[in-house]
C-alpha atoms as a PDB file:
ATOM      1  CA  MET A   1     -27.753 -18.280 -47.877  1.00  0.00           C
ATOM      2  CA  LYS A   2     -28.847 -15.027 -46.235  1.00  0.00           C
ATOM      3  CA  LYS A   3     -28.707 -16.743 -42.849  1.00  0.00           C
ATOM      4  CA  VAL A   4     -25.129 -17.903 -43.500  1.00  0.00           C
ATOM      5  CA  MET A   5     -24.096 -14.396 -44.610  1.00  0.00           C
ATOM      6  CA  PHE A   6     -25.641 -12.889 -41.487  1.00  0.00           C
ATOM      7  CA  VAL A   7     -23.766 -15.313 -39.219  1.00  0.00           C
ATOM      8  CA  LEU A   8     -20.471 -14.598 -41.010  1.00  0.00           C
ATOM      9  CA  LEU A   9     -21.028 -10.841 -40.723  1.00  0.00           C
ATOM     10  CA  PHE A  10     -21.863 -11.198 -37.029  1.00  0.00           C
ATOM     11  CA  LEU A  11     -18.684 -13.199 -36.390  1.00  0.00           C
ATOM     12  CA  LEU A  12     -16.620 -10.647 -38.313  1.00  0.00           C
ATOM     13  CA  ILE A  13     -17.988  -7.796 -36.192  1.00  0.00           C
ATOM     14  CA  ILE A  14     -17.283  -9.705 -32.978  1.00  0.00           C
ATOM     15  CA  THR A  15     -13.734 -10.451 -34.134  1.00  0.00           C
ATOM     16  CA  ILE A  16     -13.061  -6.816 -34.959  1.00  0.00           C
ATOM     17  CA  LEU A  17     -14.509  -5.548 -31.688  1.00  0.00           C
ATOM     18  CA  SER A  18     -12.681  -8.115 -29.565  1.00  0.00           C
ATOM     19  CA  GLY A  19      -9.361  -7.130 -31.127  1.00  0.00           C
ATOM     20  CA  LYS A  20      -9.863  -3.433 -30.482  1.00  0.00           C
ATOM     21  CA  PRO A  21      -9.498  -1.925 -26.976  1.00  0.00           C
ATOM     22  CA  ARG A  22     -12.807  -0.554 -25.800  1.00  0.00           C
ATOM     23  CA  ALA A  23     -13.075   3.213 -25.295  1.00  0.00           C
ATOM     24  CA  GLU A  24     -13.495   2.806 -21.530  1.00  0.00           C
ATOM     25  CA  SER A  25     -10.176   0.867 -21.348  1.00  0.00           C
ATOM     26  CA  GLN A  26      -8.084   3.849 -22.310  1.00  0.00           C
ATOM     27  CA  MET A  27      -5.867   6.107 -20.231  1.00  0.00           C
ATOM     28  CA  GLN A  28      -5.696   9.640 -21.592  1.00  0.00           C
ATOM     29  CA  ILE A  29      -3.219  12.381 -20.815  1.00  0.00           C
ATOM     30  CA  MET A  30      -2.302  15.756 -22.245  1.00  0.00           C
ATOM     31  CA  ASN A  31       1.252  15.777 -23.589  1.00  0.00           C
ATOM     32  CA  GLU A  32       2.514  19.309 -23.014  1.00  0.00           C
ATOM     33  CA  LEU A  33       5.408  18.763 -25.406  1.00  0.00           C
ATOM     34  CA  THR A  34       3.204  17.881 -28.405  1.00  0.00           C
ATOM     35  CA  LYS A  35       0.120  19.757 -27.103  1.00  0.00           C
ATOM     36  CA  GLN A  36      -1.947  16.676 -27.948  1.00  0.00           C
ATOM     37  CA  THR A  37      -4.123  14.421 -25.799  1.00  0.00           C
ATOM     38  CA  GLU A  38      -2.678  10.924 -26.060  1.00  0.00           C
ATOM     39  CA  SER A  39      -4.464   7.647 -25.323  1.00  0.00           C
ATOM     40  CA  PHE A  40      -2.983   4.401 -24.023  1.00  0.00           C
ATOM     41  CA  ALA A  41      -4.875   1.123 -23.915  1.00  0.00           C
ATOM     42  CA  LEU A  42      -5.284  -1.202 -20.953  1.00  0.00           C
ATOM     43  CA  THR A  43      -5.942  -4.771 -22.089  1.00  0.00           C
ATOM     44  CA  ASN A  44      -5.709  -8.338 -20.817  1.00  0.00           C
ATOM     45  CA  ASP A  45      -2.041  -8.457 -21.900  1.00  0.00           C
ATOM     46  CA  ALA A  46       0.449  -7.748 -19.094  1.00  0.00           C
ATOM     47  CA  THR A  47       3.279  -6.778 -21.453  1.00  0.00           C
ATOM     48  CA  ILE A  48       1.144  -4.233 -23.318  1.00  0.00           C
ATOM     49  CA  ASN A  49      -0.185  -2.779 -20.075  1.00  0.00           C
ATOM     50  CA  SER A  50       3.264  -2.369 -18.522  1.00  0.00           C
ATOM     51  CA  SER A  51       4.569  -0.755 -21.709  1.00  0.00           C
ATOM     52  CA  ASN A  52       1.666   1.678 -21.864  1.00  0.00           C
ATOM     53  CA  PHE A  53       1.972   2.469 -18.173  1.00  0.00           C
ATOM     54  CA  GLY A  54       5.613   3.318 -18.714  1.00  0.00           C
ATOM     55  CA  LYS A  55       4.669   5.675 -21.554  1.00  0.00           C
ATOM     56  CA  VAL A  56       1.861   7.481 -19.736  1.00  0.00           C
ATOM     57  CA  LEU A  57       3.922   7.818 -16.536  1.00  0.00           C
ATOM     58  CA  LYS A  58       6.812   9.272 -18.548  1.00  0.00           C
ATOM     59  CA  ILE A  59       4.537  11.891 -20.090  1.00  0.00           C
ATOM     60  CA  ALA A  60       2.992  12.769 -16.726  1.00  0.00           C
ATOM     61  CA  ASN A  61       6.445  13.105 -15.217  1.00  0.00           C
ATOM     62  CA  SER A  62       7.571  15.500 -17.955  1.00  0.00           C
ATOM     63  CA  ASN A  63       4.445  17.662 -17.782  1.00  0.00           C
ATOM     64  CA  LYS A  64       4.693  20.842 -15.716  1.00  0.00           C
ATOM     65  CA  VAL A  65       1.038  21.777 -15.123  1.00  0.00           C
ATOM     66  CA  ALA A  66      -0.353  19.977 -12.057  1.00  0.00           C
ATOM     67  CA  ALA A  67      -3.632  19.039 -13.789  1.00  0.00           C
ATOM     68  CA  ASN A  68      -1.642  17.320 -16.543  1.00  0.00           C
ATOM     69  CA  LYS A  69       0.227  15.163 -14.044  1.00  0.00           C
ATOM     70  CA  ILE A  70      -2.953  13.259 -13.103  1.00  0.00           C
ATOM     71  CA  ILE A  71      -3.533   9.813 -14.649  1.00  0.00           C
ATOM     72  CA  THR A  72      -7.087   8.474 -14.353  1.00  0.00           C
ATOM     73  CA  VAL A  73      -7.445   4.732 -14.882  1.00  0.00           C
ATOM     74  CA  PRO A  74     -10.748   3.159 -16.022  1.00  0.00           C
ATOM     75  CA  LYS A  75     -12.430   0.351 -14.151  1.00  0.00           C
ATOM     76  CA  GLY A  76     -11.308  -3.179 -15.020  1.00  0.00           C
ATOM     77  CA  ASN A  77      -8.981  -6.021 -14.043  1.00  0.00           C
ATOM     78  CA  PHE A  78      -5.578  -5.388 -15.598  1.00  0.00           C
ATOM     79  CA  PRO A  79      -2.464  -7.588 -15.454  1.00  0.00           C
ATOM     80  CA  ILE A  80       0.952  -5.931 -15.385  1.00  0.00           C
ATOM     81  CA  LYS A  81       4.361  -7.455 -15.968  1.00  0.00           C
ATOM     82  CA  ASP A  82       6.639  -5.272 -13.847  1.00  0.00           C
ATOM     83  CA  THR A  83       6.727  -2.988 -10.835  1.00  0.00           C
ATOM     84  CA  PHE A  84       5.724   0.516 -11.811  1.00  0.00           C
ATOM     85  CA  GLN A  85       6.862   3.727 -10.120  1.00  0.00           C
ATOM     86  CA  ILE A  86       4.624   6.739  -9.699  1.00  0.00           C
ATOM     87  CA  PRO A  87       7.033   9.644 -10.376  1.00  0.00           C
ATOM     88  CA  ALA A  88       7.452  12.793  -8.318  1.00  0.00           C
ATOM     89  CA  GLY A  89       4.321  14.910  -8.247  1.00  0.00           C
ATOM     90  CA  VAL A  90       2.245  12.457 -10.316  1.00  0.00           C
ATOM     91  CA  THR A  91      -1.213  11.219  -9.280  1.00  0.00           C
ATOM     92  CA  LEU A  92      -2.516   7.778 -10.264  1.00  0.00           C
ATOM     93  CA  LYS A  93      -6.176   7.247  -9.485  1.00  0.00           C
ATOM     94  CA  GLY A  94      -9.306   5.353 -10.380  1.00  0.00           C
ATOM     95  CA  GLN A  95     -12.397   7.207 -11.457  1.00  0.00           C
ATOM     96  CA  SER A  96     -14.194   6.759  -8.117  1.00  0.00           C
ATOM     97  CA  GLN A  97     -14.678   4.333  -5.248  1.00  0.00           C
ATOM     98  CA  ALA A  98     -17.326   2.575  -7.324  1.00  0.00           C
ATOM     99  CA  MET A  99     -15.055   2.415 -10.406  1.00  0.00           C
ATOM    100  CA  MET A 100     -11.777   1.153  -8.953  1.00  0.00           C
ATOM    101  CA  PRO A 101      -9.380  -0.616 -11.344  1.00  0.00           C
ATOM    102  CA  LEU A 102      -7.647  -3.766 -10.094  1.00  0.00           C
ATOM    103  CA  PHE A 103      -4.019  -4.538 -10.917  1.00  0.00           C
ATOM    104  CA  TYR A 104      -2.237  -7.868 -10.548  1.00  0.00           C
ATOM    105  CA  MET A 105       1.150  -9.104 -11.727  1.00  0.00           C
ATOM    106  CA  VAL A 106       1.689 -11.764 -14.428  1.00  0.00           C
ATOM    107  CA  PRO A 107       3.747 -13.817 -13.909  1.00  0.00           C
ATOM    108  CA  ASN A 108       3.264 -13.336 -10.199  1.00  0.00           C
ATOM    109  CA  ARG A 109       6.643 -12.370  -8.728  1.00  0.00           C
ATOM    110  CA  LEU A 110       7.541 -11.644  -5.110  1.00  0.00           C
ATOM    111  CA  VAL A 111       8.354  -7.965  -5.627  1.00  0.00           C
ATOM    112  CA  SER A 112       6.662  -4.648  -4.893  1.00  0.00           C
ATOM    113  CA  MET A 113       3.822  -3.875  -7.259  1.00  0.00           C
ATOM    114  CA  VAL A 114       4.042  -0.074  -6.904  1.00  0.00           C
ATOM    115  CA  THR A 115       6.813   2.275  -5.789  1.00  0.00           C
ATOM    116  CA  MET A 116       6.308   5.997  -5.193  1.00  0.00           C
ATOM    117  CA  ALA A 117       8.549   9.039  -5.477  1.00  0.00           C
ATOM    118  CA  SER A 118       8.264  12.263  -3.472  1.00  0.00           C
ATOM    119  CA  GLY A 119       5.006  14.108  -3.989  1.00  0.00           C
ATOM    120  CA  ALA A 120       3.298  11.123  -5.637  1.00  0.00           C
ATOM    121  CA  HIS A 121      -0.357  10.329  -4.963  1.00  0.00           C
ATOM    122  CA  ILE A 122      -2.369   7.110  -5.399  1.00  0.00           C
ATOM    123  CA  GLU A 123      -6.137   6.869  -4.889  1.00  0.00           C
ATOM    124  CA  ASN A 124      -9.074   4.579  -5.699  1.00  0.00           C
ATOM    125  CA  ILE A 125      -6.900   1.677  -6.911  1.00  0.00           C
ATOM    126  CA  ILE A 126      -6.923  -2.051  -5.987  1.00  0.00           C
ATOM    127  CA  LEU A 127      -3.605  -3.919  -5.796  1.00  0.00           C
ATOM    128  CA  ASP A 128      -3.963  -7.697  -5.591  1.00  0.00           C
ATOM    129  CA  GLY A 129      -0.952  -9.932  -4.966  1.00  0.00           C
ATOM    130  CA  LYS A 130      -3.046 -12.905  -6.101  1.00  0.00           C
ATOM    131  CA  ASN A 131      -1.232 -15.178  -3.636  1.00  0.00           C
ATOM    132  CA  SER A 132      -2.744 -17.296  -0.940  1.00  0.00           C
ATOM    133  CA  VAL A 133      -0.445 -16.029   1.820  1.00  0.00           C
ATOM    134  CA  LYS A 134       1.102 -19.176   3.317  1.00  0.00           C
ATOM    135  CA  ALA A 135       4.613 -17.845   3.961  1.00  0.00           C
ATOM    136  CA  VAL A 136       6.257 -14.505   4.710  1.00  0.00           C
ATOM    137  CA  SER A 137       8.166 -12.953   1.813  1.00  0.00           C
ATOM    138  CA  GLN A 138       9.470  -9.544   2.852  1.00  0.00           C
ATOM    139  CA  ASN A 139       9.946  -8.277  -0.718  1.00  0.00           C
ATOM    140  CA  HIS A 140       6.362  -8.994  -1.761  1.00  0.00           C
ATOM    141  CA  ASN A 141       4.744  -5.615  -1.060  1.00  0.00           C
ATOM    142  CA  GLY A 142       1.751  -3.764  -2.392  1.00  0.00           C
ATOM    143  CA  VAL A 143       3.308  -0.288  -2.168  1.00  0.00           C
ATOM    144  CA  SER A 144       6.941   0.569  -1.341  1.00  0.00           C
ATOM    145  CA  ILE A 145       7.987   4.110  -0.452  1.00  0.00           C
ATOM    146  CA  GLN A 146      11.705   4.111   0.205  1.00  0.00           C
ATOM    147  CA  GLY A 147      14.415   6.762   0.345  1.00  0.00           C
ATOM    148  CA  THR A 148      18.111   6.033   0.145  1.00  0.00           C
ATOM    149  CA  SER A 149      19.226   7.366   3.551  1.00  0.00           C
ATOM    150  CA  PRO A 150      18.032   9.517   6.462  1.00  0.00           C
ATOM    151  CA  ALA A 151      19.312  12.550   4.566  1.00  0.00           C
ATOM    152  CA  ASN A 152      17.534  11.544   1.348  1.00  0.00           C
ATOM    153  CA  ARG A 153      13.975  10.712   2.296  1.00  0.00           C
ATOM    154  CA  ILE A 154      10.918  10.212   0.117  1.00  0.00           C
ATOM    155  CA  GLN A 155       8.409  12.775   1.335  1.00  0.00           C
ATOM    156  CA  ASN A 156       4.953  14.283   0.897  1.00  0.00           C
ATOM    157  CA  VAL A 157       3.302  11.133  -0.462  1.00  0.00           C
ATOM    158  CA  ILE A 158      -0.458  10.491  -0.286  1.00  0.00           C
ATOM    159  CA  VAL A 159      -2.028   7.022  -0.257  1.00  0.00           C
ATOM    160  CA  ARG A 160      -5.795   7.332  -0.041  1.00  0.00           C
ATOM    161  CA  ASN A 161      -8.831   5.091  -0.414  1.00  0.00           C
ATOM    162  CA  ILE A 162      -7.041   2.134  -1.976  1.00  0.00           C
ATOM    163  CA  GLN A 163      -7.269  -1.601  -1.343  1.00  0.00           C
ATOM    164  CA  ILE A 164      -4.231  -3.853  -0.948  1.00  0.00           C
ATOM    165  CA  ARG A 165      -4.558  -7.605  -0.506  1.00  0.00           C
ATOM    166  CA  ASN A 166      -2.765 -10.942  -0.756  1.00  0.00           C
ATOM    167  CA  PHE A 167       0.877  -9.966  -0.299  1.00  0.00           C
ATOM    168  CA  GLY A 168       3.404 -12.123   1.553  1.00  0.00           C
ATOM    169  CA  GLY A 169       5.405  -9.166   2.872  1.00  0.00           C
ATOM    170  CA  ASN A 170       3.857  -5.786   3.649  1.00  0.00           C
ATOM    171  CA  GLY A 171       0.797  -3.980   2.415  1.00  0.00           C
ATOM    172  CA  ILE A 172       2.692  -0.674   2.551  1.00  0.00           C
ATOM    173  CA  TYR A 173       6.437  -0.535   3.236  1.00  0.00           C
ATOM    174  CA  LEU A 174       8.115   2.709   4.346  1.00  0.00           C
ATOM    175  CA  LYS A 175      11.820   3.362   4.856  1.00  0.00           C
ATOM    176  CA  TYR A 176      13.558   6.732   5.154  1.00  0.00           C
ATOM    177  CA  THR A 177      10.369   8.715   4.635  1.00  0.00           C
ATOM    178  CA  ASN A 178       8.893  11.998   5.800  1.00  0.00           C
ATOM    179  CA  ASN A 179       5.313  13.241   5.783  1.00  0.00           C
ATOM    180  CA  ILE A 180       3.549  10.186   4.381  1.00  0.00           C
ATOM    181  CA  SER A 181      -0.265  10.153   4.608  1.00  0.00           C
ATOM    182  CA  ILE A 182      -2.116   6.814   4.503  1.00  0.00           C
ATOM    183  CA  THR A 183      -5.794   7.543   4.987  1.00  0.00           C
ATOM    184  CA  GLY A 184      -9.318   6.547   4.113  1.00  0.00           C
ATOM    185  CA  SER A 185     -12.433   8.674   3.904  1.00  0.00           C
ATOM    186  CA  THR A 186     -13.797   5.882   6.118  1.00  0.00           C
ATOM    187  CA  PRO A 187     -12.177   2.589   7.163  1.00  0.00           C
ATOM    188  CA  THR A 188     -14.329   0.748   4.600  1.00  0.00           C
ATOM    189  CA  GLN A 189     -12.643   2.717   1.804  1.00  0.00           C
ATOM    190  CA  MET A 190      -9.000   2.083   2.757  1.00  0.00           C
ATOM    191  CA  ILE A 191      -8.505  -1.660   3.288  1.00  0.00           C
ATOM    192  CA  ILE A 192      -5.332  -3.715   3.737  1.00  0.00           C
ATOM    193  CA  ASP A 193      -6.185  -7.407   3.907  1.00  0.00           C
ATOM    194  CA  ARG A 194      -4.473 -10.824   3.980  1.00  0.00           C
ATOM    195  CA  ILE A 195      -0.844  -9.787   4.467  1.00  0.00           C
ATOM    196  CA  GLY A 196       2.036 -12.023   5.577  1.00  0.00           C
ATOM    197  CA  TYR A 197       4.133  -9.697   7.726  1.00  0.00           C
ATOM    198  CA  ALA A 198       2.785  -6.155   8.248  1.00  0.00           C
ATOM    199  CA  GLY A 199      -0.169  -4.196   6.989  1.00  0.00           C
ATOM    200  CA  ILE A 200       1.910  -1.014   7.272  1.00  0.00           C
ATOM    201  CA  ALA A 201       5.606  -1.216   8.206  1.00  0.00           C
ATOM    202  CA  GLY A 202       7.711   1.908   8.671  1.00  0.00           C
ATOM    203  CA  TYR A 203      11.450   2.043   9.335  1.00  0.00           C
ATOM    204  CA  SER A 204      12.999   5.420  10.151  1.00  0.00           C
ATOM    205  CA  ALA A 205       9.697   6.898   8.999  1.00  0.00           C
ATOM    206  CA  ASN A 206       9.060  10.454  10.180  1.00  0.00           C
ATOM    207  CA  ASN A 207       5.802  12.397  10.460  1.00  0.00           C
ATOM    208  CA  THR A 208       3.528   9.586   9.318  1.00  0.00           C
ATOM    209  CA  THR A 209      -0.262   9.860   9.344  1.00  0.00           C
ATOM    210  CA  ILE A 210      -2.192   6.569   9.412  1.00  0.00           C
ATOM    211  CA  ARG A 211      -5.892   7.308   9.735  1.00  0.00           C
ATOM    212  CA  SER A 212      -9.149   5.471   9.033  1.00  0.00           C
ATOM    213  CA  ASN A 213      -7.662   2.258   7.635  1.00  0.00           C
ATOM    214  CA  ARG A 214      -9.153  -1.210   7.988  1.00  0.00           C
ATOM    215  CA  ILE A 215      -6.151  -3.506   8.398  1.00  0.00           C
ATOM    216  CA  GLN A 216      -7.117  -7.145   8.829  1.00  0.00           C
ATOM    217  CA  ASN A 217      -6.117 -10.800   8.523  1.00  0.00           C
ATOM    218  CA  ILE A 218      -2.426 -10.254   9.191  1.00  0.00           C
ATOM    219  CA  GLY A 219       0.263 -12.878   9.736  1.00  0.00           C
ATOM    220  CA  VAL A 220       1.076 -16.486   8.928  1.00  0.00           C
ATOM    221  CA  LEU A 221       0.397 -19.050  11.613  1.00  0.00           C
ATOM    222  CA  GLY A 222       3.642 -20.619  12.794  1.00  0.00           C
ATOM    223  CA  GLU A 223       5.617 -17.402  12.302  1.00  0.00           C
ATOM    224  CA  LYS A 224       6.765 -15.408  15.327  1.00  0.00           C
ATOM    225  CA  LEU A 225       6.075 -11.866  14.112  1.00  0.00           C
ATOM    226  CA  ALA A 226       3.258 -10.023  12.356  1.00  0.00           C
ATOM    227  CA  TYR A 227       1.996  -6.470  12.717  1.00  0.00           C
ATOM    228  CA  ASN A 228      -1.072  -4.630  11.547  1.00  0.00           C
ATOM    229  CA  ILE A 229       0.942  -1.406  11.969  1.00  0.00           C
ATOM    230  CA  THR A 230       4.554  -1.033  13.065  1.00  0.00           C
ATOM    231  CA  LEU A 231       6.737   2.088  13.088  1.00  0.00           C
ATOM    232  CA  THR A 232      10.250   1.250  14.179  1.00  0.00           C
ATOM    233  CA  SER A 233      13.861   1.247  13.000  1.00  0.00           C
ATOM    234  CA  LEU A 234      16.178  -1.468  11.794  1.00  0.00           C
ATOM    235  CA  TYR A 235      18.702  -2.450  14.442  1.00  0.00           C
ATOM    236  CA  ASN A 236      22.187  -3.855  13.891  1.00  0.00           C
ATOM    237  CA  GLU A 237      23.901  -4.970  17.101  1.00  0.00           C
ATOM    238  CA  LYS A 238      27.304  -4.783  15.400  1.00  0.00           C
ATOM    239  CA  LEU A 239      27.071  -0.991  15.020  1.00  0.00           C
ATOM    240  CA  SER A 240      28.050   1.495  17.705  1.00  0.00           C
ATOM    241  CA  PRO A 241      25.113   3.490  19.157  1.00  0.00           C
ATOM    242  CA  ALA A 242      26.220   6.621  17.288  1.00  0.00           C
ATOM    243  CA  THR A 243      26.503   4.813  13.960  1.00  0.00           C
ATOM    244  CA  GLN A 244      23.238   2.987  14.545  1.00  0.00           C
ATOM    245  CA  ASN A 245      21.441   6.267  15.199  1.00  0.00           C
ATOM    246  CA  ALA A 246      22.983   7.861  12.125  1.00  0.00           C
ATOM    247  CA  ILE A 247      22.083   5.009   9.758  1.00  0.00           C
ATOM    248  CA  ASN A 248      18.845   3.727  11.310  1.00  0.00           C
ATOM    249  CA  PRO A 249      17.297   6.523  13.369  1.00  0.00           C
ATOM    250  CA  ALA A 250      14.037   6.126  15.216  1.00  0.00           C
ATOM    251  CA  SER A 251      10.711   6.666  13.503  1.00  0.00           C
ATOM    252  CA  ASN A 252       9.851  10.131  14.782  1.00  0.00           C
ATOM    253  CA  GLY A 253       6.418  11.693  14.687  1.00  0.00           C
ATOM    254  CA  ALA A 254       3.189   9.830  13.898  1.00  0.00           C
ATOM    255  CA  LYS A 255      -0.564  10.009  14.220  1.00  0.00           C
ATOM    256  CA  ILE A 256      -2.159   6.560  14.246  1.00  0.00           C
ATOM    257  CA  GLU A 257      -5.843   7.143  14.751  1.00  0.00           C
ATOM    258  CA  ASP A 258      -9.365   5.942  13.967  1.00  0.00           C
ATOM    259  CA  ASN A 259      -8.184   2.660  12.431  1.00  0.00           C
ATOM    260  CA  LEU A 260      -9.772  -0.790  12.586  1.00  0.00           C
ATOM    261  CA  ILE A 261      -7.076  -3.278  13.627  1.00  0.00           C
ATOM    262  CA  LEU A 262      -8.458  -6.776  13.104  1.00  0.00           C
ATOM    263  CA  ASN A 263      -7.533 -10.465  13.128  1.00  0.00           C
ATOM    264  CA  ASN A 264      -3.872 -10.973  13.938  1.00  0.00           C
ATOM    265  CA  ALA A 265      -3.384 -14.168  15.924  1.00  0.00           C
ATOM    266  CA  VAL A 266       0.406 -14.114  15.489  1.00  0.00           C
ATOM    267  CA  TRP A 267       1.705 -11.016  17.247  1.00  0.00           C
ATOM    268  CA  GLU A 268       0.900  -7.280  17.524  1.00  0.00           C
ATOM    269  CA  GLY A 269      -1.753  -4.881  16.317  1.00  0.00           C
ATOM    270  CA  ILE A 270      -0.089  -1.466  16.687  1.00  0.00           C
ATOM    271  CA  ASP A 271       3.596  -1.410  17.563  1.00  0.00           C
ATOM    272  CA  THR A 272       6.515   0.931  17.910  1.00  0.00           C
ATOM    273  CA  HIS A 273      10.034  -0.116  18.824  1.00  0.00           C
ATOM    274  CA  HIS A 274      12.295   2.865  19.384  1.00  0.00           C
ATOM    275  CA  GLY A 275       9.601   5.313  18.225  1.00  0.00           C
ATOM    276  CA  ALA A 276       9.282   8.923  19.325  1.00  0.00           C
ATOM    277  CA  ASN A 277       6.576  11.584  19.441  1.00  0.00           C
ATOM    278  CA  MET A 278       3.601   9.465  18.446  1.00  0.00           C
ATOM    279  CA  VAL A 279      -0.111   9.645  19.174  1.00  0.00           C
ATOM    280  CA  ILE A 280      -2.056   6.374  19.025  1.00  0.00           C
ATOM    281  CA  GLN A 281      -5.714   7.091  19.604  1.00  0.00           C
ATOM    282  CA  ARG A 282      -9.319   6.097  18.924  1.00  0.00           C
ATOM    283  CA  ASN A 283      -8.379   2.817  17.249  1.00  0.00           C
ATOM    284  CA  ALA A 284     -10.598  -0.274  17.535  1.00  0.00           C
ATOM    285  CA  VAL A 285      -8.637  -3.511  18.022  1.00  0.00           C
ATOM    286  CA  LEU A 286     -10.384  -6.882  17.674  1.00  0.00           C
ATOM    287  CA  ASN A 287      -9.031 -10.439  17.581  1.00  0.00           C
ATOM    288  CA  VAL A 288      -5.368  -9.453  17.980  1.00  0.00           C
ATOM    289  CA  LYS A 289      -2.900 -11.375  20.153  1.00  0.00           C
ATOM    290  CA  ASN A 290      -1.188  -8.251  21.541  1.00  0.00           C
ATOM    291  CA  ALA A 291      -3.188  -5.094  20.927  1.00  0.00           C
ATOM    292  CA  ILE A 292      -0.890  -2.040  21.285  1.00  0.00           C
ATOM    293  CA  LEU A 293       2.769  -1.952  22.344  1.00  0.00           C
ATOM    294  CA  ALA A 294       5.390   0.775  22.699  1.00  0.00           C
ATOM    295  CA  ILE A 295       8.596  -0.970  23.696  1.00  0.00           C
ATOM    296  CA  SER A 296      12.367  -0.951  23.501  1.00  0.00           C
ATOM    297  CA  ILE A 297      14.412  -3.009  21.062  1.00  0.00           C
ATOM    298  CA  THR A 298      15.236  -6.387  22.598  1.00  0.00           C
ATOM    299  CA  LEU A 299      18.776  -7.639  22.083  1.00  0.00           C
ATOM    300  CA  SER A 300      19.446 -11.205  21.019  1.00  0.00           C
ATOM    301  CA  ASN A 301      19.933 -13.970  23.568  1.00  0.00           C
ATOM    302  CA  ASN A 302      18.042 -11.938  26.190  1.00  0.00           C
ATOM    303  CA  GLN A 303      20.960  -9.556  26.679  1.00  0.00           C
ATOM    304  CA  GLY A 304      18.641  -6.713  27.587  1.00  0.00           C
ATOM    305  CA  THR A 305      16.968  -3.861  25.772  1.00  0.00           C
ATOM    306  CA  VAL A 306      18.058  -0.615  24.117  1.00  0.00           C
ATOM    307  CA  SER A 307      16.505   2.460  22.538  1.00  0.00           C
ATOM    308  CA  PRO A 308      13.289   2.923  24.543  1.00  0.00           C
ATOM    309  CA  PRO A 309      10.417   4.782  22.879  1.00  0.00           C
ATOM    310  CA  LYS A 310       9.927   8.437  23.826  1.00  0.00           C
ATOM    311  CA  ASN A 311       6.863  10.628  24.187  1.00  0.00           C
ATOM    312  CA  ILE A 312       4.237   8.114  23.078  1.00  0.00           C
ATOM    313  CA  THR A 313       0.578   8.970  23.794  1.00  0.00           C
ATOM    314  CA  ILE A 314      -1.873   6.055  23.801  1.00  0.00           C
ATOM    315  CA  GLN A 315      -5.455   7.075  24.512  1.00  0.00           C
ATOM    316  CA  PHE A 316      -9.129   6.395  23.803  1.00  0.00           C
ATOM    317  CA  ASN A 317      -8.492   3.078  22.039  1.00  0.00           C
ATOM    318  CA  ARG A 318     -10.970   0.199  22.315  1.00  0.00           C
ATOM    319  CA  ILE A 319      -9.739  -3.381  22.654  1.00  0.00           C
ATOM    320  CA  ASN A 320     -12.129  -6.297  22.096  1.00  0.00           C
ATOM    321  CA  ASN A 321     -15.115  -4.051  22.724  1.00  0.00           C
ATOM    322  CA  GLN A 322     -18.273  -6.141  22.472  1.00  0.00           C
ATOM    323  CA  ALA A 323     -20.184  -3.429  20.627  1.00  0.00           C
ATOM    324  CA  ASP A 324     -17.417  -3.137  18.028  1.00  0.00           C
ATOM    325  CA  TYR A 325     -17.782  -6.776  16.999  1.00  0.00           C
ATOM    326  CA  ALA A 326     -21.400  -6.116  16.051  1.00  0.00           C
ATOM    327  CA  ARG A 327     -20.823  -2.628  14.663  1.00  0.00           C
ATOM    328  CA  PHE A 328     -18.049  -3.681  12.274  1.00  0.00           C
ATOM    329  CA  LYS A 329     -19.518  -7.156  11.588  1.00  0.00           C
ATOM    330  CA  VAL A 330     -16.431  -8.992  12.825  1.00  0.00           C
ATOM    331  CA  ALA A 331     -16.734 -12.593  14.062  1.00  0.00           C
ATOM    332  CA  LYS A 332     -15.097 -13.155  17.433  1.00  0.00           C
ATOM    333  CA  LEU A 333     -12.192 -15.584  17.087  1.00  0.00           C
ATOM    334  CA  PRO A 334     -11.254 -18.106  19.800  1.00  0.00           C
END
């Protein structure tokens, strides 16, 4: 009888504990309006997680003190239901590089997982598209940072030491942006991996810093285009040159340096079409069909080219350097 009672008590304790979010699966934030620290659970339920993310992001957005606009997420694998936006001036981060939370979407939809407003900051987070990338899907992005026009740009955004993988579109998508920083402390701490179209794609993106990223396994075999990094502008042949420049101006100003550009058998490693005032330096490029290109926009049906790049510096890069294969433990592809 005592043995039966002990087993029942043990099962009751397990049931209670399993139904209660553990302390380490809580997000906490000071609510300046109520002057209380509030806690929000992260569980294995995508609907609950998305709801709680919405609540904690709303509080962070309303807070005025910078320290109270920081959301620290515990380590764990957490499903979410919907895209979430990091509001202006808000920081979303994991506890450390060793304690990075992983987010994935349930059900898995071909949309951006994270969008970011001006002044937002993301760090020490893993975003996993959970797709085996067999086709390009341009809307399936890890992070999207997108203004509404050249006059209304998203600006002053920091993406640091995160991992993005398994997206059919772009790891990071930029359009109408200014002063975006995408950096790693080292290339092993900022990784973009297994992406269908571009690791980082920027359209009319100004003053972009891309430093110490490891961007690898890019492209879908059979497709014509894939880029580890591209900074360019959308081009519409139906528009007059003046209208084109007003709506889709060149990406102007960039530092692309100290990156590892790996494994792209489809097209180009580092690319700018119609870019201006860029420095591309000290990057290591391995196993890429076309390593680094700065070229004009090619018109359809071989009608010529327009909008040549201006003031592009390309220096001190290493392409298929034998020592780099060993140093970065990259297998040489045929």
